[in-house]
Protein backbone atom coordinates (compact mmCIF):
# COMPACT_ATOMS: atom_id res chain seq x y z
CA UNK A 1 -1.87 0.32 -4.24
CA UNK A 2 0.53 -0.81 -1.68
CA UNK A 3 4.26 1.73 -2.69
CA UNK A 4 1.28 4.60 -3.13
CA UNK A 5 -0.34 3.83 0.46
CA UNK A 6 3.43 4.09 1.65
CA UNK A 7 4.04 7.08 0.40
CA UNK A 8 0.73 8.74 2.22
CA UNK A 9 2.19 7.13 4.84
CA UNK A 10 5.13 8.36 4.76
CA UNK A 11 4.31 11.95 4.51
CA UNK A 12 1.23 11.51 7.23
CA UNK A 13 4.32 10.58 9.77
CA UNK A 14 6.94 12.45 8.72
CA UNK A 15 4.63 15.34 8.51
CA UNK A 16 5.49 16.84 5.24
CA UNK A 17 5.45 16.18 1.41
CA UNK A 18 8.00 14.10 -0.06
CA UNK A 19 10.12 16.69 -1.70
CA UNK A 20 13.24 16.98 -3.97
CA UNK A 21 15.25 17.39 -0.71
CA UNK A 22 13.38 14.25 0.75
CA UNK A 23 16.06 11.09 0.63
CA UNK A 24 13.79 7.74 0.30
CA UNK A 25 15.48 4.51 1.65
CA UNK A 26 14.70 0.85 0.36
CA UNK A 27 17.37 -1.76 1.11
CA UNK A 28 15.50 -4.51 -0.14
CA UNK A 29 14.09 -2.83 -3.36
CA UNK A 30 12.53 -5.66 -5.65
CA UNK A 31 11.46 -4.21 -8.74
CA UNK A 32 11.97 -0.96 -7.17
CA UNK A 33 7.84 -0.48 -6.89
CA UNK A 34 8.25 1.73 -3.66
CA UNK A 35 11.30 4.16 -4.71
CA UNK A 36 8.98 4.71 -8.29
CA UNK A 37 5.95 5.99 -6.55
CA UNK A 38 8.51 7.83 -4.18
CA UNK A 39 9.73 9.80 -7.41
CA UNK A 40 6.35 10.00 -8.44
CA UNK A 41 4.98 11.49 -5.97
CA UNK A 42 7.69 13.64 -5.21
CA UNK A 43 7.23 14.81 -8.83
CA UNK A 44 3.58 15.38 -8.04
CA UNK A 45 4.85 17.80 -4.83
CA UNK A 46 6.55 19.64 -7.33
CA UNK A 47 4.49 20.01 -10.20
CA UNK A 48 1.49 21.35 -7.72
CA UNK A 49 3.62 23.69 -5.58
CA UNK A 50 2.84 27.16 -5.37
CA UNK A 51 6.55 27.58 -3.82
CA UNK A 52 8.34 26.73 -6.58
CA UNK A 53 8.07 28.45 -9.99
CA UNK A 54 7.13 27.17 -13.72
CA UNK A 55 11.64 28.08 -14.26
CA UNK A 56 12.69 25.82 -10.95
CA UNK A 57 10.31 23.21 -11.18
CA UNK A 58 12.34 20.97 -13.96
CA UNK A 59 15.64 22.20 -11.82
CA UNK A 60 13.88 20.58 -8.42
CA UNK A 61 12.65 17.55 -10.40
CA UNK A 62 16.17 16.88 -12.13
CA UNK A 63 17.45 17.13 -8.18
CA UNK A 64 15.13 14.52 -6.93
CA UNK A 65 15.68 11.76 -9.96
CA UNK A 66 19.62 12.75 -9.11
CA UNK A 67 19.75 12.51 -5.28
CA UNK A 68 16.14 12.10 -3.70
CA UNK A 69 16.13 7.98 -4.18
CA UNK A 70 18.64 5.54 -2.91
CA UNK A 71 18.25 1.22 -3.17
CA UNK A 72 19.34 -1.84 -2.66
CA UNK A 73 18.79 -5.36 -3.92
CA UNK A 74 21.09 -8.76 -3.17
CA UNK A 75 19.64 -9.88 -6.40
CA UNK A 76 21.86 -9.33 -9.20
CA UNK A 77 18.46 -10.24 -12.07
CA UNK A 78 15.88 -8.47 -9.70
CA UNK A 79 18.64 -4.99 -9.91
CA UNK A 80 19.22 -5.02 -12.89
CA UNK A 81 15.07 -5.43 -12.86
CA UNK A 82 15.18 -2.65 -10.93
CA UNK A 83 17.52 -0.32 -12.60
CA UNK A 84 15.51 -0.65 -16.25
CA UNK A 85 11.81 -0.54 -14.83
CA UNK A 86 13.11 3.07 -13.10
CA UNK A 87 14.99 3.93 -16.53
CA UNK A 88 11.56 2.81 -18.09
CA UNK A 89 9.88 5.88 -15.37
CA UNK A 90 12.24 8.35 -16.32
CA UNK A 91 14.53 7.71 -13.84
CA UNK A 92 17.92 6.64 -15.04
CA UNK A 93 20.28 8.62 -11.59
CA UNK A 94 19.40 6.78 -8.87
CA UNK A 95 21.65 5.68 -6.08
CA UNK A 96 21.48 1.69 -6.93
CA UNK A 97 23.57 -0.80 -5.22
CA UNK A 98 23.96 -4.43 -6.10
CA UNK A 99 24.68 -6.34 -2.72
CA UNK A 100 23.90 -7.84 0.53
CA UNK A 101 21.58 -4.98 2.52
CA UNK A 102 22.38 -6.50 5.41
CA UNK A 103 26.17 -7.17 5.16
CA UNK A 104 27.57 -3.94 4.05
CA UNK A 105 30.40 -3.96 1.76
CA UNK A 106 33.28 -1.58 1.38
CA UNK A 107 32.47 -0.08 -1.17
CA UNK A 108 29.07 1.56 -2.75
CA UNK A 109 27.31 0.94 0.57
CA UNK A 110 24.84 3.16 2.28
CA UNK A 111 27.51 5.30 4.10
CA UNK A 112 29.80 5.93 1.08
CA UNK A 113 26.45 7.18 -0.55
CA UNK A 114 25.51 9.15 2.61
CA UNK A 115 29.31 10.44 2.79
CA UNK A 116 29.80 8.85 5.93
CA UNK A 117 32.53 7.36 7.88
CA UNK A 118 30.68 6.01 11.55
CA UNK A 119 27.16 5.13 11.87
CA UNK A 120 26.83 7.80 14.35
CA UNK A 121 26.81 10.28 11.59
CA UNK A 122 23.18 9.04 10.56
CA UNK A 123 21.87 10.77 13.33
CA UNK A 124 21.46 14.30 11.00
CA UNK A 125 23.06 12.46 7.64
CA UNK A 126 20.61 9.80 6.80
CA UNK A 127 17.36 8.86 4.79
CA UNK A 128 14.18 10.73 5.55
CA UNK A 129 11.94 7.63 4.70
CA UNK A 130 12.51 3.87 4.57
CA UNK A 131 10.75 1.98 3.50
CA UNK A 132 10.42 -2.11 2.63
CA UNK A 133 8.53 -5.12 1.53
CA UNK A 134 10.75 -7.58 3.11
CA UNK A 135 11.55 -10.91 1.11
CA UNK A 136 9.50 -14.13 2.93
CA UNK A 137 11.58 -16.77 0.81
CA UNK A 138 12.92 -18.04 4.31
CA UNK A 139 16.52 -17.14 3.85
CA UNK A 140 18.87 -16.56 6.50
CA UNK A 141 17.41 -13.89 6.84
CA UNK A 142 14.15 -12.66 8.71
CA UNK A 143 11.69 -9.37 7.90
CA UNK A 144 12.40 -7.99 11.57
CA UNK A 145 16.46 -8.29 10.90
CA UNK A 146 15.43 -6.20 7.81
CA UNK A 147 13.32 -3.47 9.71
CA UNK A 148 16.00 -3.01 12.12
CA UNK A 149 18.38 -2.63 9.72
CA UNK A 150 16.22 -0.07 7.55
CA UNK A 151 15.52 1.64 10.74
CA UNK A 152 19.21 1.71 11.17
CA UNK A 153 20.19 4.12 8.23
CA UNK A 154 17.25 6.98 8.82
CA UNK A 155 17.96 9.99 10.60
CA UNK A 156 17.11 10.21 14.16
CA UNK A 157 13.45 11.96 13.22
CA UNK A 158 13.02 9.40 9.83
CA UNK A 159 10.26 7.66 9.14
CA UNK A 160 10.66 3.54 8.92
CA UNK A 161 7.73 2.07 7.00
CA UNK A 162 7.59 -2.32 6.31
CA UNK A 163 4.86 -4.46 5.32
CA UNK A 164 5.41 -7.82 6.25
CA UNK A 165 3.63 -11.56 7.25
CA UNK A 166 0.87 -10.61 10.51
CA UNK A 167 3.60 -13.91 11.65
CA UNK A 168 5.82 -10.95 13.00
CA UNK A 169 3.13 -10.18 15.55
CA UNK A 170 3.27 -13.29 17.44
CA UNK A 171 4.47 -13.67 20.67
CA UNK A 172 7.84 -15.67 19.55
CA UNK A 173 9.50 -12.43 18.24
CA UNK A 174 8.69 -10.40 21.61
CA UNK A 175 12.18 -10.18 21.97
CA UNK A 176 13.05 -9.11 18.62
CA UNK A 177 10.51 -6.85 18.60
CA UNK A 178 12.07 -5.27 22.06
CA UNK A 179 15.42 -5.04 20.34
CA UNK A 180 14.14 -2.94 17.82
CA UNK A 181 11.95 -0.91 20.05
CA UNK A 182 14.91 -0.37 22.06
CA UNK A 183 16.24 2.39 19.91
CA UNK A 184 13.17 2.91 17.98
CA UNK A 185 9.69 4.12 18.37
CA UNK A 186 6.49 2.32 16.66
CA UNK A 187 4.01 5.13 15.69
CA UNK A 188 1.94 2.77 13.96
CA UNK A 189 0.68 -0.84 13.19
CA UNK A 190 -2.15 -1.49 10.65
CA UNK A 191 -3.54 -5.25 9.87
CA UNK A 192 -3.64 -5.11 6.30
CA UNK A 193 -6.75 -7.21 4.43
CA UNK A 194 -6.25 -10.73 3.44
CA UNK A 195 -4.76 -11.79 -0.08
CA UNK A 196 -3.54 -7.96 -0.12
CA UNK A 197 -0.44 -9.27 -3.16
CA UNK A 198 -3.45 -11.33 -4.95
CA UNK A 199 -3.99 -9.37 -8.16
CA UNK A 200 -5.97 -10.04 -11.66
CA UNK A 201 -3.02 -11.46 -13.22
CA UNK A 202 -2.90 -14.64 -10.23
């Protein structure tokens, strides 16, 4: 329900449906949930499109599998899980990286994936949509750093969506939030219900 909500929000604020031409990025992919939901939404949109004839729908879906999804995961175990999970969901061609999304490596980073030499090129060539659920494990980075990094990989009019603990809204984070808002525009802030991740399995 969370990943589907992100797709709904992306389409609403992006002003159009996700398609084979949309680039969706998750810099802390985890098990790949956001990318899998984005691909499912793209496939549904292609299948239900009246602008694409039946013969071209298969080609459009193949293009989406090849080019639309970009993900990164630091944990080697989670990276393998994301890869297998996406294979299981009939993807298998996504551009997945296994490195620190906040410390760009020289090889296989997002700049190389987007074929860019300079950060300024992201204005025109970056991702259209960014979706993240940053780790909350008390690592050396915090959630706002992940949000800032994700936003830096988006096109000028790209849409970034993140789900973070409500503690990030505290006054103590105002300096960090101000830094993000110097370069980006906050379109909405939604307070999620309690125990959002608490499902039947728990």
